[in-house]
Amino acid sequence: MRKKAVVLLALDNPFTDPVFEGQLMGKHGPPAGTPPALPFAIHHENLAVSGIHQIQNANLAAMARDKVWTSCTIILPLRSKGGSGSPVRPVAIGAPGQS
C-alpha cells in the first residue's frame, strides 16, 4: 500500500490484524509467524512504518452499495493530548463509480 500513496485504511471490522478469541484477555497468543513483542504487526507496519492511518468499525455499507470506491474523507477526532487513538466521525464525499 505504501507504493500506492495510501493515507487511510478504513475497515468495517474491529481489527486490522487477525485476533484469536481470548487473545486480548491473555488467554490465547497471537497467530503463528507474528514477530515477538509485536502482536499487532500489520497495524504497526501501516501506521508506524508506512504512515497509513486506520479506522476500525467503519460503517461502509452505504458507500459499497453506491459503489463509491474513492472519496475525499474528512476525519474529525476528539481533541486530546498524548492519546494513541480516538473515536472519530469520518465524513466521506464521493461519486458513485462503475463496476
N, C-alpha and C. Protein backbone atom coordinates (compact mmCIF):
# COMPACT_ATOMS: atom_id res chain seq x y z
N MET A 1 0.81 -1.19 0.00
CA MET A 1 0.00 0.00 0.00
C MET A 1 0.85 1.26 0.00
N ARG A 2 2.04 1.17 0.56
CA ARG A 2 2.92 2.34 0.62
C ARG A 2 3.22 2.86 -0.78
N LYS A 3 3.42 1.97 -1.75
CA LYS A 3 3.76 2.38 -3.11
C LYS A 3 2.60 3.08 -3.80
N LYS A 4 1.37 2.87 -3.34
CA LYS A 4 0.20 3.48 -3.96
C LYS A 4 -0.21 4.77 -3.27
N ALA A 5 0.59 5.26 -2.33
CA ALA A 5 0.33 6.51 -1.61
C ALA A 5 -0.98 6.47 -0.85
N VAL A 6 -1.31 5.32 -0.25
CA VAL A 6 -2.49 5.19 0.58
C VAL A 6 -2.24 5.95 1.88
N VAL A 7 -3.19 6.75 2.32
CA VAL A 7 -3.03 7.51 3.56
C VAL A 7 -4.00 7.06 4.65
N LEU A 8 -5.05 6.33 4.28
CA LEU A 8 -6.04 5.90 5.25
C LEU A 8 -6.61 4.56 4.83
N LEU A 9 -6.74 3.68 5.80
CA LEU A 9 -7.36 2.37 5.60
C LEU A 9 -8.54 2.29 6.54
N ALA A 10 -9.75 2.18 6.01
CA ALA A 10 -10.95 2.07 6.84
C ALA A 10 -11.55 0.69 6.64
N LEU A 11 -11.77 0.01 7.74
CA LEU A 11 -12.32 -1.35 7.72
C LEU A 11 -13.63 -1.38 8.51
N ASP A 12 -14.53 -2.26 8.10
CA ASP A 12 -15.78 -2.37 8.86
C ASP A 12 -15.73 -3.54 9.85
N ASN A 13 -14.53 -3.89 10.26
CA ASN A 13 -14.35 -4.90 11.32
C ASN A 13 -13.47 -4.28 12.41
N PRO A 14 -13.36 -4.92 13.58
CA PRO A 14 -12.67 -4.25 14.69
C PRO A 14 -11.15 -4.29 14.67
N PHE A 15 -10.51 -5.12 13.84
CA PHE A 15 -9.06 -5.25 13.90
C PHE A 15 -8.45 -5.31 12.51
N THR A 16 -7.30 -4.69 12.34
CA THR A 16 -6.53 -4.81 11.10
C THR A 16 -5.84 -6.17 11.06
N ASP A 17 -5.34 -6.60 12.20
CA ASP A 17 -4.62 -7.88 12.32
C ASP A 17 -5.58 -9.00 12.70
N PRO A 18 -5.21 -10.25 12.38
CA PRO A 18 -6.01 -11.37 12.88
C PRO A 18 -5.89 -11.45 14.40
N VAL A 19 -7.01 -11.65 15.07
CA VAL A 19 -7.02 -11.73 16.53
C VAL A 19 -7.81 -12.97 16.93
N PHE A 20 -7.15 -13.87 17.66
CA PHE A 20 -7.83 -15.07 18.14
C PHE A 20 -8.77 -14.73 19.28
N GLU A 21 -9.83 -15.49 19.41
CA GLU A 21 -10.72 -15.32 20.55
C GLU A 21 -9.92 -15.53 21.83
N GLY A 22 -10.03 -14.62 22.76
CA GLY A 22 -9.30 -14.70 24.01
C GLY A 22 -7.93 -14.05 23.97
N GLN A 23 -7.45 -13.67 22.81
CA GLN A 23 -6.11 -13.07 22.71
C GLN A 23 -6.02 -11.75 23.49
N LEU A 24 -7.03 -10.91 23.40
CA LEU A 24 -6.99 -9.62 24.07
C LEU A 24 -7.05 -9.76 25.59
N MET A 25 -7.54 -10.90 26.07
CA MET A 25 -7.61 -11.14 27.51
C MET A 25 -6.45 -12.00 28.00
N GLY A 26 -5.47 -12.26 27.12
CA GLY A 26 -4.29 -13.04 27.50
C GLY A 26 -4.53 -14.54 27.58
N LYS A 27 -5.64 -15.00 27.03
CA LYS A 27 -5.96 -16.44 27.08
C LYS A 27 -5.48 -17.17 25.84
N HIS A 28 -5.00 -16.45 24.86
CA HIS A 28 -4.50 -17.05 23.61
C HIS A 28 -3.40 -16.16 23.08
N GLY A 29 -2.37 -16.76 22.53
CA GLY A 29 -1.29 -15.98 21.94
C GLY A 29 -1.64 -15.48 20.56
N PRO A 30 -0.78 -14.66 19.97
CA PRO A 30 -1.02 -14.16 18.61
C PRO A 30 -0.84 -15.27 17.58
N PRO A 31 -1.29 -15.04 16.35
CA PRO A 31 -1.16 -16.04 15.29
C PRO A 31 0.29 -16.42 15.02
N ALA A 32 0.50 -17.62 14.51
CA ALA A 32 1.84 -18.10 14.16
C ALA A 32 2.49 -17.14 13.17
N GLY A 33 3.78 -16.91 13.33
CA GLY A 33 4.51 -16.04 12.44
C GLY A 33 4.52 -14.58 12.86
N THR A 34 3.79 -14.26 13.93
CA THR A 34 3.77 -12.88 14.43
C THR A 34 5.12 -12.56 15.06
N PRO A 35 5.72 -11.41 14.72
CA PRO A 35 7.02 -11.05 15.31
C PRO A 35 6.92 -10.99 16.84
N PRO A 36 7.95 -11.43 17.55
CA PRO A 36 7.94 -11.36 19.02
C PRO A 36 7.71 -9.93 19.51
N ALA A 37 6.92 -9.79 20.56
CA ALA A 37 6.62 -8.50 21.19
C ALA A 37 5.90 -7.53 20.25
N LEU A 38 5.32 -8.04 19.17
CA LEU A 38 4.59 -7.19 18.23
C LEU A 38 3.32 -7.91 17.78
N PRO A 39 2.35 -8.11 18.70
CA PRO A 39 1.18 -8.92 18.37
C PRO A 39 0.27 -8.31 17.31
N PHE A 40 0.38 -7.01 17.07
CA PHE A 40 -0.43 -6.36 16.04
C PHE A 40 0.50 -5.79 14.97
N ALA A 41 1.20 -6.68 14.28
CA ALA A 41 2.26 -6.30 13.33
C ALA A 41 1.73 -5.53 12.13
N ILE A 42 0.55 -5.88 11.63
CA ILE A 42 0.01 -5.17 10.46
C ILE A 42 -0.34 -3.73 10.84
N HIS A 43 -0.98 -3.57 11.98
CA HIS A 43 -1.31 -2.23 12.49
C HIS A 43 -0.03 -1.40 12.62
N HIS A 44 1.01 -2.00 13.20
CA HIS A 44 2.30 -1.32 13.37
C HIS A 44 2.91 -0.95 12.02
N GLU A 45 2.93 -1.88 11.10
CA GLU A 45 3.51 -1.63 9.76
C GLU A 45 2.76 -0.49 9.08
N ASN A 46 1.44 -0.54 9.11
CA ASN A 46 0.65 0.51 8.45
C ASN A 46 0.92 1.88 9.06
N LEU A 47 0.78 1.99 10.37
CA LEU A 47 0.84 3.30 10.99
C LEU A 47 2.27 3.78 11.23
N ALA A 48 3.08 2.99 11.92
CA ALA A 48 4.41 3.45 12.34
C ALA A 48 5.43 3.42 11.20
N VAL A 49 5.32 2.48 10.28
CA VAL A 49 6.32 2.35 9.22
C VAL A 49 5.87 3.08 7.94
N SER A 50 4.60 2.87 7.54
CA SER A 50 4.13 3.41 6.26
C SER A 50 3.34 4.71 6.39
N GLY A 51 2.99 5.12 7.61
CA GLY A 51 2.22 6.35 7.80
C GLY A 51 0.78 6.26 7.34
N ILE A 52 0.22 5.06 7.32
CA ILE A 52 -1.16 4.86 6.90
C ILE A 52 -2.05 4.85 8.15
N HIS A 53 -2.92 5.83 8.25
CA HIS A 53 -3.85 5.90 9.37
C HIS A 53 -4.93 4.84 9.18
N GLN A 54 -5.56 4.44 10.30
CA GLN A 54 -6.53 3.34 10.24
C GLN A 54 -7.78 3.68 11.01
N ILE A 55 -8.91 3.29 10.45
CA ILE A 55 -10.20 3.39 11.13
C ILE A 55 -10.78 1.99 11.18
N GLN A 56 -11.13 1.54 12.36
CA GLN A 56 -11.81 0.26 12.51
C GLN A 56 -13.28 0.52 12.83
N ASN A 57 -14.10 -0.47 12.54
CA ASN A 57 -15.55 -0.40 12.78
C ASN A 57 -16.23 0.71 11.99
N ALA A 58 -15.73 0.98 10.81
CA ALA A 58 -16.37 1.99 9.94
C ALA A 58 -17.65 1.38 9.36
N ASN A 59 -18.64 2.20 9.16
CA ASN A 59 -19.89 1.74 8.56
C ASN A 59 -19.79 2.04 7.06
N LEU A 60 -19.37 1.05 6.30
CA LEU A 60 -19.10 1.24 4.87
C LEU A 60 -20.19 0.71 3.95
N ALA A 61 -21.27 0.19 4.52
CA ALA A 61 -22.32 -0.45 3.71
C ALA A 61 -22.92 0.49 2.67
N ALA A 62 -23.23 1.72 3.06
CA ALA A 62 -23.86 2.66 2.11
C ALA A 62 -22.91 3.02 0.98
N MET A 63 -21.62 3.21 1.31
CA MET A 63 -20.65 3.52 0.26
C MET A 63 -20.49 2.35 -0.71
N ALA A 64 -20.45 1.14 -0.19
CA ALA A 64 -20.33 -0.04 -1.05
C ALA A 64 -21.58 -0.20 -1.91
N ARG A 65 -22.74 0.00 -1.32
CA ARG A 65 -24.00 -0.11 -2.07
C ARG A 65 -24.03 0.89 -3.22
N ASP A 66 -23.51 2.12 -2.97
CA ASP A 66 -23.49 3.16 -4.01
C ASP A 66 -22.26 3.09 -4.91
N LYS A 67 -21.41 2.08 -4.67
CA LYS A 67 -20.19 1.87 -5.46
C LYS A 67 -19.26 3.09 -5.43
N VAL A 68 -19.11 3.67 -4.24
CA VAL A 68 -18.17 4.78 -4.05
C VAL A 68 -16.85 4.15 -3.64
N TRP A 69 -15.93 4.03 -4.57
CA TRP A 69 -14.65 3.37 -4.33
C TRP A 69 -13.56 4.35 -3.94
N THR A 70 -13.73 5.62 -4.29
CA THR A 70 -12.77 6.66 -3.95
C THR A 70 -13.54 7.84 -3.38
N SER A 71 -12.99 8.44 -2.33
CA SER A 71 -13.70 9.56 -1.73
C SER A 71 -12.70 10.55 -1.14
N CYS A 72 -13.18 11.75 -0.90
CA CYS A 72 -12.47 12.71 -0.08
C CYS A 72 -13.09 12.54 1.30
N THR A 73 -12.27 12.18 2.27
CA THR A 73 -12.78 11.87 3.60
C THR A 73 -12.20 12.85 4.61
N ILE A 74 -13.08 13.43 5.39
CA ILE A 74 -12.68 14.33 6.47
C ILE A 74 -12.84 13.56 7.77
N ILE A 75 -11.80 13.57 8.60
CA ILE A 75 -11.82 12.84 9.86
C ILE A 75 -11.87 13.85 11.00
N LEU A 76 -12.83 13.70 11.88
CA LEU A 76 -12.99 14.61 13.00
C LEU A 76 -12.76 13.86 14.31
N PRO A 77 -11.49 13.80 14.79
CA PRO A 77 -11.20 13.09 16.04
C PRO A 77 -11.46 13.97 17.26
N LEU A 78 -11.49 13.34 18.42
CA LEU A 78 -11.55 14.10 19.67
C LEU A 78 -10.24 14.86 19.84
N ARG A 79 -10.29 16.00 20.47
CA ARG A 79 -9.07 16.76 20.76
C ARG A 79 -8.54 16.27 22.10
N SER A 80 -7.48 15.48 22.05
CA SER A 80 -6.87 15.02 23.29
C SER A 80 -5.36 15.02 23.11
N LYS A 81 -4.66 15.31 24.18
CA LYS A 81 -3.21 15.39 24.12
C LYS A 81 -2.61 14.08 24.60
N GLY A 82 -1.67 13.53 23.83
CA GLY A 82 -0.95 12.33 24.22
C GLY A 82 -1.67 11.03 23.98
N GLY A 83 -2.81 11.06 23.34
CA GLY A 83 -3.57 9.84 23.08
C GLY A 83 -2.99 9.04 21.93
N SER A 84 -3.30 7.76 21.91
CA SER A 84 -2.84 6.91 20.80
C SER A 84 -3.98 6.55 19.86
N GLY A 85 -5.16 7.01 20.15
CA GLY A 85 -6.32 6.75 19.30
C GLY A 85 -7.48 7.60 19.76
N SER A 86 -8.54 7.62 18.97
CA SER A 86 -9.69 8.43 19.31
C SER A 86 -10.90 7.92 18.55
N PRO A 87 -12.08 8.02 19.15
CA PRO A 87 -13.28 7.85 18.33
C PRO A 87 -13.28 8.97 17.30
N VAL A 88 -13.73 8.71 16.11
CA VAL A 88 -13.76 9.74 15.06
C VAL A 88 -15.12 9.75 14.39
N ARG A 89 -15.38 10.85 13.73
CA ARG A 89 -16.57 10.95 12.90
C ARG A 89 -16.09 11.20 11.48
N PRO A 90 -15.94 10.14 10.67
CA PRO A 90 -15.50 10.34 9.28
C PRO A 90 -16.66 10.81 8.41
N VAL A 91 -16.37 11.76 7.55
CA VAL A 91 -17.34 12.26 6.59
C VAL A 91 -16.73 12.06 5.22
N ALA A 92 -17.35 11.22 4.39
CA ALA A 92 -16.80 10.90 3.07
C ALA A 92 -17.67 11.51 1.99
N ILE A 93 -17.03 12.15 1.02
CA ILE A 93 -17.71 12.72 -0.13
C ILE A 93 -17.13 12.04 -1.35
N GLY A 94 -17.97 11.35 -2.09
CA GLY A 94 -17.50 10.65 -3.27
C GLY A 94 -18.62 10.47 -4.27
N ALA A 95 -18.27 10.21 -5.49
CA ALA A 95 -19.26 9.98 -6.54
C ALA A 95 -19.35 8.49 -6.83
N PRO A 96 -20.57 7.99 -7.05
CA PRO A 96 -20.70 6.57 -7.40
C PRO A 96 -19.85 6.22 -8.63
N GLY A 97 -19.23 5.06 -8.57
CA GLY A 97 -18.36 4.63 -9.67
C GLY A 97 -19.02 3.56 -10.52
N GLN A 98 -18.23 3.04 -11.41
CA GLN A 98 -18.70 1.96 -12.29
C GLN A 98 -18.12 0.65 -11.80
N SER A 99 -18.85 -0.43 -11.95
CA SER A 99 -18.33 -1.75 -11.57
C SER A 99 -17.37 -2.26 -12.60
